[in-house]
Amino acid sequence: MSIPLFLRGFLAVLAVFALTTYIATQSLWTTLVQTLICAVLIQFGYFVAVLFMIWRSGTRPGGDDADENAEGVGDEEPAGTEIARLPTASRSRQS
């Protein structure tokens, strides 16, 4: 999810929450405090969701395309494409 999309949704949810809270309580102070609490809770939930996605992606080596590479699919280069190889320095290993 992109940042602008998240921020737009985040601000829309907070605006609806603030409006609803103000209509229910008729108190600007209570609306401000409860909206700030709501914002912190949404941020905490987003943080936990991102941590969960990172943790879950670490269980499969190679990420999302691990199944594709495990089958040998996608290892070949498309016909007609050449990749310029950079020269590498060879190191001699002493045994």
PDB file of N, CA and C in Angstrom:
ATOM      1  N   MET A   1       0.858  -1.168   0.000  1.00  0.00           N
ATOM      2  CA  MET A   1       0.000   0.000   0.000  1.00  0.00           C
ATOM      3  C   MET A   1       0.905   1.232   0.000  1.00  0.00           C
ATOM      4  N   SER A   2       0.574   2.168  -0.876  1.00  0.00           N
ATOM      5  CA  SER A   2       1.389   3.371  -0.984  1.00  0.00           C
ATOM      6  C   SER A   2       1.055   4.342   0.160  1.00  0.00           C
ATOM      7  N   ILE A   3       2.004   5.197   0.451  1.00  0.00           N
ATOM      8  CA  ILE A   3       1.841   6.168   1.541  1.00  0.00           C
ATOM      9  C   ILE A   3       0.675   7.131   1.278  1.00  0.00           C
ATOM     10  N   PRO A   4       0.556   7.725   0.079  1.00  0.00           N
ATOM     11  CA  PRO A   4      -0.575   8.645  -0.130  1.00  0.00           C
ATOM     12  C   PRO A   4      -1.933   7.957   0.055  1.00  0.00           C
ATOM     13  N   LEU A   5      -2.047   6.722  -0.407  1.00  0.00           N
ATOM     14  CA  LEU A   5      -3.298   5.994  -0.246  1.00  0.00           C
ATOM     15  C   LEU A   5      -3.583   5.730   1.231  1.00  0.00           C
ATOM     16  N   PHE A   6      -2.560   5.321   1.971  1.00  0.00           N
ATOM     17  CA  PHE A   6      -2.734   5.085   3.404  1.00  0.00           C
ATOM     18  C   PHE A   6      -3.116   6.376   4.132  1.00  0.00           C
ATOM     19  N   LEU A   7      -2.420   7.467   3.840  1.00  0.00           N
ATOM     20  CA  LEU A   7      -2.709   8.736   4.523  1.00  0.00           C
ATOM     21  C   LEU A   7      -4.113   9.246   4.215  1.00  0.00           C
ATOM     22  N   ARG A   8      -4.548   9.081   2.962  1.00  0.00           N
ATOM     23  CA  ARG A   8      -5.892   9.500   2.600  1.00  0.00           C
ATOM     24  C   ARG A   8      -6.933   8.718   3.395  1.00  0.00           C
ATOM     25  N   GLY A   9      -6.767   7.407   3.472  1.00  0.00           N
ATOM     26  CA  GLY A   9      -7.694   6.583   4.236  1.00  0.00           C
ATOM     27  C   GLY A   9      -7.631   6.881   5.720  1.00  0.00           C
ATOM     28  N   PHE A  10      -6.418   7.071   6.221  1.00  0.00           N
ATOM     29  CA  PHE A  10      -6.201   7.361   7.638  1.00  0.00           C
ATOM     30  C   PHE A  10      -6.910   8.657   8.037  1.00  0.00           C
ATOM     31  N   LEU A  11      -6.719   9.710   7.230  1.00  0.00           N
ATOM     32  CA  LEU A  11      -7.343  10.992   7.541  1.00  0.00           C
ATOM     33  C   LEU A  11      -8.869  10.937   7.376  1.00  0.00           C
ATOM     34  N   ALA A  12      -9.337  10.164   6.405  1.00  0.00           N
ATOM     35  CA  ALA A  12     -10.788  10.032   6.224  1.00  0.00           C
ATOM     36  C   ALA A  12     -11.417   9.325   7.426  1.00  0.00           C
ATOM     37  N   VAL A  13     -10.769   8.269   7.906  1.00  0.00           N
ATOM     38  CA  VAL A  13     -11.289   7.546   9.077  1.00  0.00           C
ATOM     39  C   VAL A  13     -11.287   8.459  10.301  1.00  0.00           C
ATOM     40  N   LEU A  14     -10.214   9.214  10.488  1.00  0.00           N
ATOM     41  CA  LEU A  14     -10.153  10.114  11.640  1.00  0.00           C
ATOM     42  C   LEU A  14     -11.197  11.229  11.544  1.00  0.00           C
ATOM     43  N   ALA A  15     -11.438  11.730  10.346  1.00  0.00           N
ATOM     44  CA  ALA A  15     -12.447  12.787  10.184  1.00  0.00           C
ATOM     45  C   ALA A  15     -13.848  12.259  10.505  1.00  0.00           C
ATOM     46  N   VAL A  16     -14.166  11.066  10.012  1.00  0.00           N
ATOM     47  CA  VAL A  16     -15.475  10.474  10.303  1.00  0.00           C
ATOM     48  C   VAL A  16     -15.598  10.177  11.795  1.00  0.00           C
ATOM     49  N   PHE A  17     -14.524   9.670  12.386  1.00  0.00           N
ATOM     50  CA  PHE A  17     -14.536   9.375  13.822  1.00  0.00           C
ATOM     51  C   PHE A  17     -14.742  10.656  14.632  1.00  0.00           C
ATOM     52  N   ALA A  18     -14.018  11.725  14.261  1.00  0.00           N
ATOM     53  CA  ALA A  18     -14.135  12.993  14.997  1.00  0.00           C
ATOM     54  C   ALA A  18     -15.538  13.578  14.861  1.00  0.00           C
ATOM     55  N   LEU A  19     -16.090  13.531  13.669  1.00  0.00           N
ATOM     56  CA  LEU A  19     -17.438  14.054  13.460  1.00  0.00           C
ATOM     57  C   LEU A  19     -18.471  13.269  14.276  1.00  0.00           C
ATOM     58  N   THR A  20     -18.349  11.955  14.241  1.00  0.00           N
ATOM     59  CA  THR A  20     -19.279  11.113  14.999  1.00  0.00           C
ATOM     60  C   THR A  20     -19.139  11.340  16.504  1.00  0.00           C
ATOM     61  N   THR A  21     -17.906  11.444  16.968  1.00  0.00           N
ATOM     62  CA  THR A  21     -17.675  11.671  18.393  1.00  0.00           C
ATOM     63  C   THR A  21     -18.227  13.030  18.820  1.00  0.00           C
ATOM     64  N   TYR A  22     -18.030  14.058  17.986  1.00  0.00           N
ATOM     65  CA  TYR A  22     -18.533  15.384  18.340  1.00  0.00           C
ATOM     66  C   TYR A  22     -20.068  15.400  18.380  1.00  0.00           C
ATOM     67  N   ILE A  23     -20.704  14.718  17.437  1.00  0.00           N
ATOM     68  CA  ILE A  23     -22.167  14.662  17.427  1.00  0.00           C
ATOM     69  C   ILE A  23     -22.677  13.924  18.664  1.00  0.00           C
ATOM     70  N   ALA A  24     -21.961  12.885  19.061  1.00  0.00           N
ATOM     71  CA  ALA A  24     -22.403  12.088  20.212  1.00  0.00           C
ATOM     72  C   ALA A  24     -22.154  12.793  21.542  1.00  0.00           C
ATOM     73  N   THR A  25     -21.019  13.525  21.679  1.00  0.00           N
ATOM     74  CA  THR A  25     -20.656  14.096  22.979  1.00  0.00           C
ATOM     75  C   THR A  25     -20.905  15.599  23.084  1.00  0.00           C
ATOM     76  N   GLN A  26     -20.955  16.299  21.965  1.00  0.00           N
ATOM     77  CA  GLN A  26     -21.088  17.759  21.937  1.00  0.00           C
ATOM     78  C   GLN A  26     -19.957  18.450  22.715  1.00  0.00           C
ATOM     79  N   SER A  27     -18.793  17.799  22.761  1.00  0.00           N
ATOM     80  CA  SER A  27     -17.655  18.354  23.485  1.00  0.00           C
ATOM     81  C   SER A  27     -16.442  18.349  22.564  1.00  0.00           C
ATOM     82  N   LEU A  28     -15.889  19.527  22.323  1.00  0.00           N
ATOM     83  CA  LEU A  28     -14.711  19.631  21.468  1.00  0.00           C
ATOM     84  C   LEU A  28     -13.491  18.968  22.124  1.00  0.00           C
ATOM     85  N   TRP A  29     -13.331  19.153  23.428  1.00  0.00           N
ATOM     86  CA  TRP A  29     -12.201  18.579  24.156  1.00  0.00           C
ATOM     87  C   TRP A  29     -12.237  17.043  24.112  1.00  0.00           C
ATOM     88  N   THR A  30     -13.397  16.451  24.376  1.00  0.00           N
ATOM     89  CA  THR A  30     -13.537  14.991  24.347  1.00  0.00           C
ATOM     90  C   THR A  30     -13.292  14.466  22.935  1.00  0.00           C
ATOM     91  N   THR A  31     -13.780  15.187  21.941  1.00  0.00           N
ATOM     92  CA  THR A  31     -13.579  14.785  20.547  1.00  0.00           C
ATOM     93  C   THR A  31     -12.097  14.785  20.199  1.00  0.00           C
ATOM     94  N   LEU A  32     -11.385  15.818  20.601  1.00  0.00           N
ATOM     95  CA  LEU A  32      -9.949  15.909  20.320  1.00  0.00           C
ATOM     96  C   LEU A  32      -9.185  14.763  20.982  1.00  0.00           C
ATOM     97  N   VAL A  33      -9.441  14.516  22.260  1.00  0.00           N
ATOM     98  CA  VAL A  33      -8.721  13.471  22.996  1.00  0.00           C
ATOM     99  C   VAL A  33      -9.020  12.093  22.398  1.00  0.00           C
ATOM    100  N   GLN A  34     -10.294  11.810  22.142  1.00  0.00           N
ATOM    101  CA  GLN A  34     -10.647  10.493  21.616  1.00  0.00           C
ATOM    102  C   GLN A  34     -10.144  10.290  20.194  1.00  0.00           C
ATOM    103  N   THR A  35     -10.095  11.357  19.409  1.00  0.00           N
ATOM    104  CA  THR A  35      -9.561  11.244  18.051  1.00  0.00           C
ATOM    105  C   THR A  35      -8.060  10.992  18.082  1.00  0.00           C
ATOM    106  N   LEU A  36      -7.345  11.634  18.982  1.00  0.00           N
ATOM    107  CA  LEU A  36      -5.910  11.361  19.129  1.00  0.00           C
ATOM    108  C   LEU A  36      -5.665   9.922  19.571  1.00  0.00           C
ATOM    109  N   ILE A  37      -6.476   9.416  20.493  1.00  0.00           N
ATOM    110  CA  ILE A  37      -6.354   8.019  20.927  1.00  0.00           C
ATOM    111  C   ILE A  37      -6.623   7.080  19.749  1.00  0.00           C
ATOM    112  N   CYS A  38      -7.633   7.402  18.958  1.00  0.00           N
ATOM    113  CA  CYS A  38      -7.954   6.606  17.771  1.00  0.00           C
ATOM    114  C   CYS A  38      -6.776   6.609  16.787  1.00  0.00           C
ATOM    115  N   ALA A  39      -6.151   7.748  16.576  1.00  0.00           N
ATOM    116  CA  ALA A  39      -5.012   7.847  15.660  1.00  0.00           C
ATOM    117  C   ALA A  39      -3.850   6.979  16.132  1.00  0.00           C
ATOM    118  N   VAL A  40      -3.577   7.008  17.432  1.00  0.00           N
ATOM    119  CA  VAL A  40      -2.484   6.192  17.985  1.00  0.00           C
ATOM    120  C   VAL A  40      -2.798   4.705  17.820  1.00  0.00           C
ATOM    121  N   LEU A  41      -4.042   4.321  18.055  1.00  0.00           N
ATOM    122  CA  LEU A  41      -4.422   2.915  17.918  1.00  0.00           C
ATOM    123  C   LEU A  41      -4.326   2.440  16.462  1.00  0.00           C
ATOM    124  N   ILE A  42      -4.721   3.294  15.529  1.00  0.00           N
ATOM    125  CA  ILE A  42      -4.597   2.927  14.116  1.00  0.00           C
ATOM    126  C   ILE A  42      -3.132   2.772  13.734  1.00  0.00           C
ATOM    127  N   GLN A  43      -2.278   3.685  14.172  1.00  0.00           N
ATOM    128  CA  GLN A  43      -0.849   3.585  13.881  1.00  0.00           C
ATOM    129  C   GLN A  43      -0.236   2.333  14.490  1.00  0.00           C
ATOM    130  N   PHE A  44      -0.631   2.015  15.710  1.00  0.00           N
ATOM    131  CA  PHE A  44      -0.119   0.805  16.369  1.00  0.00           C
ATOM    132  C   PHE A  44      -0.553  -0.438  15.589  1.00  0.00           C
ATOM    133  N   GLY A  45      -1.813  -0.468  15.160  1.00  0.00           N
ATOM    134  CA  GLY A  45      -2.295  -1.608  14.382  1.00  0.00           C
ATOM    135  C   GLY A  45      -1.571  -1.743  13.059  1.00  0.00           C
ATOM    136  N   TYR A  46      -1.295  -0.636  12.403  1.00  0.00           N
ATOM    137  CA  TYR A  46      -0.556  -0.656  11.143  1.00  0.00           C
ATOM    138  C   TYR A  46       0.864  -1.175  11.363  1.00  0.00           C
ATOM    139  N   PHE A  47       1.499  -0.731  12.428  1.00  0.00           N
ATOM    140  CA  PHE A  47       2.852  -1.178  12.759  1.00  0.00           C
ATOM    141  C   PHE A  47       2.882  -2.686  13.016  1.00  0.00           C
ATOM    142  N   VAL A  48       1.917  -3.186  13.781  1.00  0.00           N
ATOM    143  CA  VAL A  48       1.844  -4.621  14.074  1.00  0.00           C
ATOM    144  C   VAL A  48       1.592  -5.414  12.789  1.00  0.00           C
ATOM    145  N   ALA A  49       0.736  -4.900  11.907  1.00  0.00           N
ATOM    146  CA  ALA A  49       0.456  -5.587  10.647  1.00  0.00           C
ATOM    147  C   ALA A  49       1.710  -5.675   9.776  1.00  0.00           C
ATOM    148  N   VAL A  50       2.484  -4.595   9.717  1.00  0.00           N
ATOM    149  CA  VAL A  50       3.724  -4.616   8.932  1.00  0.00           C
ATOM    150  C   VAL A  50       4.718  -5.597   9.539  1.00  0.00           C
ATOM    151  N   LEU A  51       4.854  -5.601  10.865  1.00  0.00           N
ATOM    152  CA  LEU A  51       5.750  -6.568  11.508  1.00  0.00           C
ATOM    153  C   LEU A  51       5.315  -7.999  11.219  1.00  0.00           C
ATOM    154  N   PHE A  52       4.012  -8.257  11.238  1.00  0.00           N
ATOM    155  CA  PHE A  52       3.511  -9.593  10.958  1.00  0.00           C
ATOM    156  C   PHE A  52       3.836 -10.000   9.521  1.00  0.00           C
ATOM    157  N   MET A  53       3.664  -9.081   8.565  1.00  0.00           N
ATOM    158  CA  MET A  53       3.978  -9.405   7.170  1.00  0.00           C
ATOM    159  C   MET A  53       5.467  -9.683   6.990  1.00  0.00           C
ATOM    160  N   ILE A  54       6.315  -8.930   7.680  1.00  0.00           N
ATOM    161  CA  ILE A  54       7.758  -9.170   7.599  1.00  0.00           C
ATOM    162  C   ILE A  54       8.094 -10.517   8.215  1.00  0.00           C
ATOM    163  N   TRP A  55       7.513 -10.829   9.347  1.00  0.00           N
ATOM    164  CA  TRP A  55       7.765 -12.111  10.017  1.00  0.00           C
ATOM    165  C   TRP A  55       7.302 -13.274   9.144  1.00  0.00           C
ATOM    166  N   ARG A  56       6.116 -13.124   8.528  1.00  0.00           N
ATOM    167  CA  ARG A  56       5.570 -14.190   7.699  1.00  0.00           C
ATOM    168  C   ARG A  56       6.402 -14.387   6.444  1.00  0.00           C
ATOM    169  N   SER A  57       6.937 -13.344   5.861  1.00  0.00           N
ATOM    170  CA  SER A  57       7.736 -13.491   4.651  1.00  0.00           C
ATOM    171  C   SER A  57       9.077 -14.136   4.947  1.00  0.00           C
ATOM    172  N   GLY A  58       9.545 -14.084   6.182  1.00  0.00           N
ATOM    173  CA  GLY A  58      10.806 -14.703   6.544  1.00  0.00           C
ATOM    174  C   GLY A  58      10.732 -16.211   6.669  1.00  0.00           C
ATOM    175  N   THR A  59       9.538 -16.789   6.691  1.00  0.00           N
ATOM    176  CA  THR A  59       9.417 -18.242   6.836  1.00  0.00           C
ATOM    177  C   THR A  59       9.670 -18.966   5.535  1.00  0.00           C
ATOM    178  N   ARG A  60       9.561 -18.286   4.396  1.00  0.00           N
ATOM    179  CA  ARG A  60       9.812 -18.910   3.101  1.00  0.00           C
ATOM    180  C   ARG A  60      11.068 -18.302   2.501  1.00  0.00           C
ATOM    181  N   PRO A  61      12.129 -19.073   2.339  1.00  0.00           N
ATOM    182  CA  PRO A  61      13.340 -18.527   1.734  1.00  0.00           C
ATOM    183  C   PRO A  61      13.074 -18.092   0.300  1.00  0.00           C
ATOM    184  N   GLY A  62      13.533 -16.927  -0.045  1.00  0.00           N
ATOM    185  CA  GLY A  62      13.394 -16.450  -1.402  1.00  0.00           C
ATOM    186  C   GLY A  62      12.202 -15.561  -1.639  1.00  0.00           C
ATOM    187  N   GLY A  63      11.349 -15.387  -0.672  1.00  0.00           N
ATOM    188  CA  GLY A  63      10.209 -14.497  -0.831  1.00  0.00           C
ATOM    189  C   GLY A  63       9.069 -15.130  -1.585  1.00  0.00           C
ATOM    190  N   ASP A  64       8.286 -14.299  -2.301  1.00  0.00           N
ATOM    191  CA  ASP A  64       7.081 -14.752  -2.985  1.00  0.00           C
ATOM    192  C   ASP A  64       7.353 -15.670  -4.164  1.00  0.00           C
ATOM    193  N   ASP A  65       8.477 -15.495  -4.849  1.00  0.00           N
ATOM    194  CA  ASP A  65       8.718 -16.306  -6.030  1.00  0.00           C
ATOM    195  C   ASP A  65       9.562 -17.541  -5.714  1.00  0.00           C
ATOM    196  N   ALA A  66       9.566 -17.998  -4.468  1.00  0.00           N
ATOM    197  CA  ALA A  66      10.342 -19.173  -4.092  1.00  0.00           C
ATOM    198  C   ALA A  66       9.818 -20.416  -4.788  1.00  0.00           C
ATOM    199  N   ASP A  67       8.499 -20.555  -4.941  1.00  0.00           N
ATOM    200  CA  ASP A  67       7.929 -21.716  -5.608  1.00  0.00           C
ATOM    201  C   ASP A  67       8.306 -21.735  -7.082  1.00  0.00           C
ATOM    202  N   GLU A  68       8.316 -20.580  -7.720  1.00  0.00           N
ATOM    203  CA  GLU A  68       8.651 -20.504  -9.136  1.00  0.00           C
ATOM    204  C   GLU A  68      10.094 -20.931  -9.369  1.00  0.00           C
ATOM    205  N   ASN A  69      11.020 -20.463  -8.527  1.00  0.00           N
ATOM    206  CA  ASN A  69      12.422 -20.814  -8.697  1.00  0.00           C
ATOM    207  C   ASN A  69      12.707 -22.238  -8.266  1.00  0.00           C
ATOM    208  N   ALA A  70      11.932 -22.781  -7.349  1.00  0.00           N
ATOM    209  CA  ALA A  70      12.148 -24.156  -6.907  1.00  0.00           C
ATOM    210  C   ALA A  70      11.836 -25.138  -8.023  1.00  0.00           C
ATOM    211  N   GLU A  71      10.923 -24.800  -8.921  1.00  0.00           N
ATOM    212  CA  GLU A  71      10.542 -25.674 -10.020  1.00  0.00           C
ATOM    213  C   GLU A  71      11.466 -25.506 -11.220  1.00  0.00           C
ATOM    214  N   GLY A  72      12.360 -24.529 -11.162  1.00  0.00           N
ATOM    215  CA  GLY A  72      13.256 -24.292 -12.283  1.00  0.00           C
ATOM    216  C   GLY A  72      12.646 -23.385 -13.342  1.00  0.00           C
ATOM    217  N   VAL A  73      11.468 -22.870 -13.093  1.00  0.00           N
ATOM    218  CA  VAL A  73      10.811 -21.982 -14.042  1.00  0.00           C
ATOM    219  C   VAL A  73      11.363 -20.578 -13.826  1.00  0.00           C
ATOM    220  N   GLY A  74      11.638 -19.901 -14.893  1.00  0.00           N
ATOM    221  CA  GLY A  74      12.104 -18.528 -14.780  1.00  0.00           C
ATOM    222  C   GLY A  74      13.610 -18.406 -14.647  1.00  0.00           C
ATOM    223  N   ASP A  75      14.335 -19.549 -14.718  1.00  0.00           N
ATOM    224  CA  ASP A  75      15.784 -19.500 -14.611  1.00  0.00           C
ATOM    225  C   ASP A  75      16.439 -19.144 -15.945  1.00  0.00           C
ATOM    226  N   GLU A  76      15.729 -19.402 -17.060  1.00  0.00           N
ATOM    227  CA  GLU A  76      16.291 -19.131 -18.370  1.00  0.00           C
ATOM    228  C   GLU A  76      16.112 -17.664 -18.714  1.00  0.00           C
ATOM    229  N   GLU A  77      17.069 -17.173 -19.509  1.00  0.00           N
ATOM    230  CA  GLU A  77      16.960 -15.802 -19.983  1.00  0.00           C
ATOM    231  C   GLU A  77      16.145 -15.807 -21.260  1.00  0.00           C
ATOM    232  N   PRO A  78      15.343 -14.768 -21.498  1.00  0.00           N
ATOM    233  CA  PRO A  78      14.573 -14.700 -22.735  1.00  0.00           C
ATOM    234  C   PRO A  78      15.489 -14.699 -23.946  1.00  0.00           C
ATOM    235  N   ALA A  79      15.030 -15.297 -25.043  1.00  0.00           N
ATOM    236  CA  ALA A  79      15.831 -15.372 -26.261  1.00  0.00           C
ATOM    237  C   ALA A  79      16.081 -13.970 -26.806  1.00  0.00           C
ATOM    238  N   GLY A  80      17.293 -13.754 -27.292  1.00  0.00           N
ATOM    239  CA  GLY A  80      17.616 -12.480 -27.899  1.00  0.00           C
ATOM    240  C   GLY A  80      18.120 -11.430 -26.932  1.00  0.00           C
ATOM    241  N   THR A  81      18.243 -11.760 -25.660  1.00  0.00           N
ATOM    242  CA  THR A  81      18.766 -10.780 -24.709  1.00  0.00           C
ATOM    243  C   THR A  81      20.152 -11.204 -24.272  1.00  0.00           C
ATOM    244  N   GLU A  82      21.008 -10.250 -24.224  1.00  0.00           N
ATOM    245  CA  GLU A  82      22.358 -10.531 -23.754  1.00  0.00           C
ATOM    246  C   GLU A  82      22.653  -9.635 -22.571  1.00  0.00           C
ATOM    247  N   ILE A  83      23.305 -10.197 -21.595  1.00  0.00           N
ATOM    248  CA  ILE A  83      23.650  -9.454 -20.394  1.00  0.00           C
ATOM    249  C   ILE A  83      25.151  -9.249 -20.377  1.00  0.00           C
ATOM    250  N   ALA A  84      25.545  -8.005 -20.239  1.00  0.00           N
ATOM    251  CA  ALA A  84      26.973  -7.712 -20.169  1.00  0.00           C
ATOM    252  C   ALA A  84      27.478  -8.113 -18.792  1.00  0.00           C
ATOM    253  N   ARG A  85      28.485  -8.928 -18.766  1.00  0.00           N
ATOM    254  CA  ARG A  85      29.070  -9.386 -17.507  1.00  0.00           C
ATOM    255  C   ARG A  85      30.231  -8.481 -17.115  1.00  0.00           C
ATOM    256  N   LEU A  86      30.288  -8.130 -15.860  1.00  0.00           N
ATOM    257  CA  LEU A  86      31.394  -7.324 -15.367  1.00  0.00           C
ATOM    258  C   LEU A  86      32.575  -8.236 -15.072  1.00  0.00           C
ATOM    259  N   PRO A  87      33.780  -7.767 -15.336  1.00  0.00           N
ATOM    260  CA  PRO A  87      34.933  -8.606 -15.021  1.00  0.00           C
ATOM    261  C   PRO A  87      35.062  -8.746 -13.503  1.00  0.00           C
ATOM    262  N   THR A  88      35.387  -9.942 -13.085  1.00  0.00           N
ATOM    263  CA  THR A  88      35.556 -10.188 -11.656  1.00  0.00           C
ATOM    264  C   THR A  88      37.007 -10.488 -11.364  1.00  0.00           C
ATOM    265  N   ALA A  89      37.424 -10.087 -10.206  1.00  0.00           N
ATOM    266  CA  ALA A  89      38.795 -10.361  -9.794  1.00  0.00           C
ATOM    267  C   ALA A  89      38.827 -11.758  -9.214  1.00  0.00           C
ATOM    268  N   SER A  90      39.725 -12.566  -9.724  1.00  0.00           N
ATOM    269  CA  SER A  90      39.808 -13.940  -9.204  1.00  0.00           C
ATOM    270  C   SER A  90      40.763 -13.963  -8.025  1.00  0.00           C
ATOM    271  N   ARG A  91      40.337 -14.635  -6.992  1.00  0.00           N
ATOM    272  CA  ARG A  91      41.162 -14.749  -5.803  1.00  0.00           C
ATOM    273  C   ARG A  91      41.695 -16.166  -5.723  1.00  0.00           C
ATOM    274  N   SER A  92      42.939 -16.275  -5.441  1.00  0.00           N
ATOM    275  CA  SER A  92      43.496 -17.621  -5.283  1.00  0.00           C
ATOM    276  C   SER A  92      43.364 -18.036  -3.829  1.00  0.00           C
ATOM    277  N   ARG A  93      42.845 -19.224  -3.671  1.00  0.00           N
ATOM    278  CA  ARG A  93      42.656 -19.751  -2.307  1.00  0.00           C
ATOM    279  C   ARG A  93      43.811 -20.684  -1.976  1.00  0.00           C
ATOM    280  N   GLN A  94      44.298 -20.520  -0.804  1.00  0.00           N
ATOM    281  CA  GLN A  94      45.382 -21.397  -0.352  1.00  0.00           C
ATOM    282  C   GLN A  94      44.774 -22.508   0.473  1.00  0.00           C
ATOM    283  N   SER A  95      45.078 -23.744   0.131  1.00  0.00           N
ATOM    284  CA  SER A  95      44.522 -24.868   0.858  1.00  0.00           C
ATOM    285  C   SER A  95      45.505 -25.397   1.861  1.00  0.00           C
TER     286      SER A  95
END
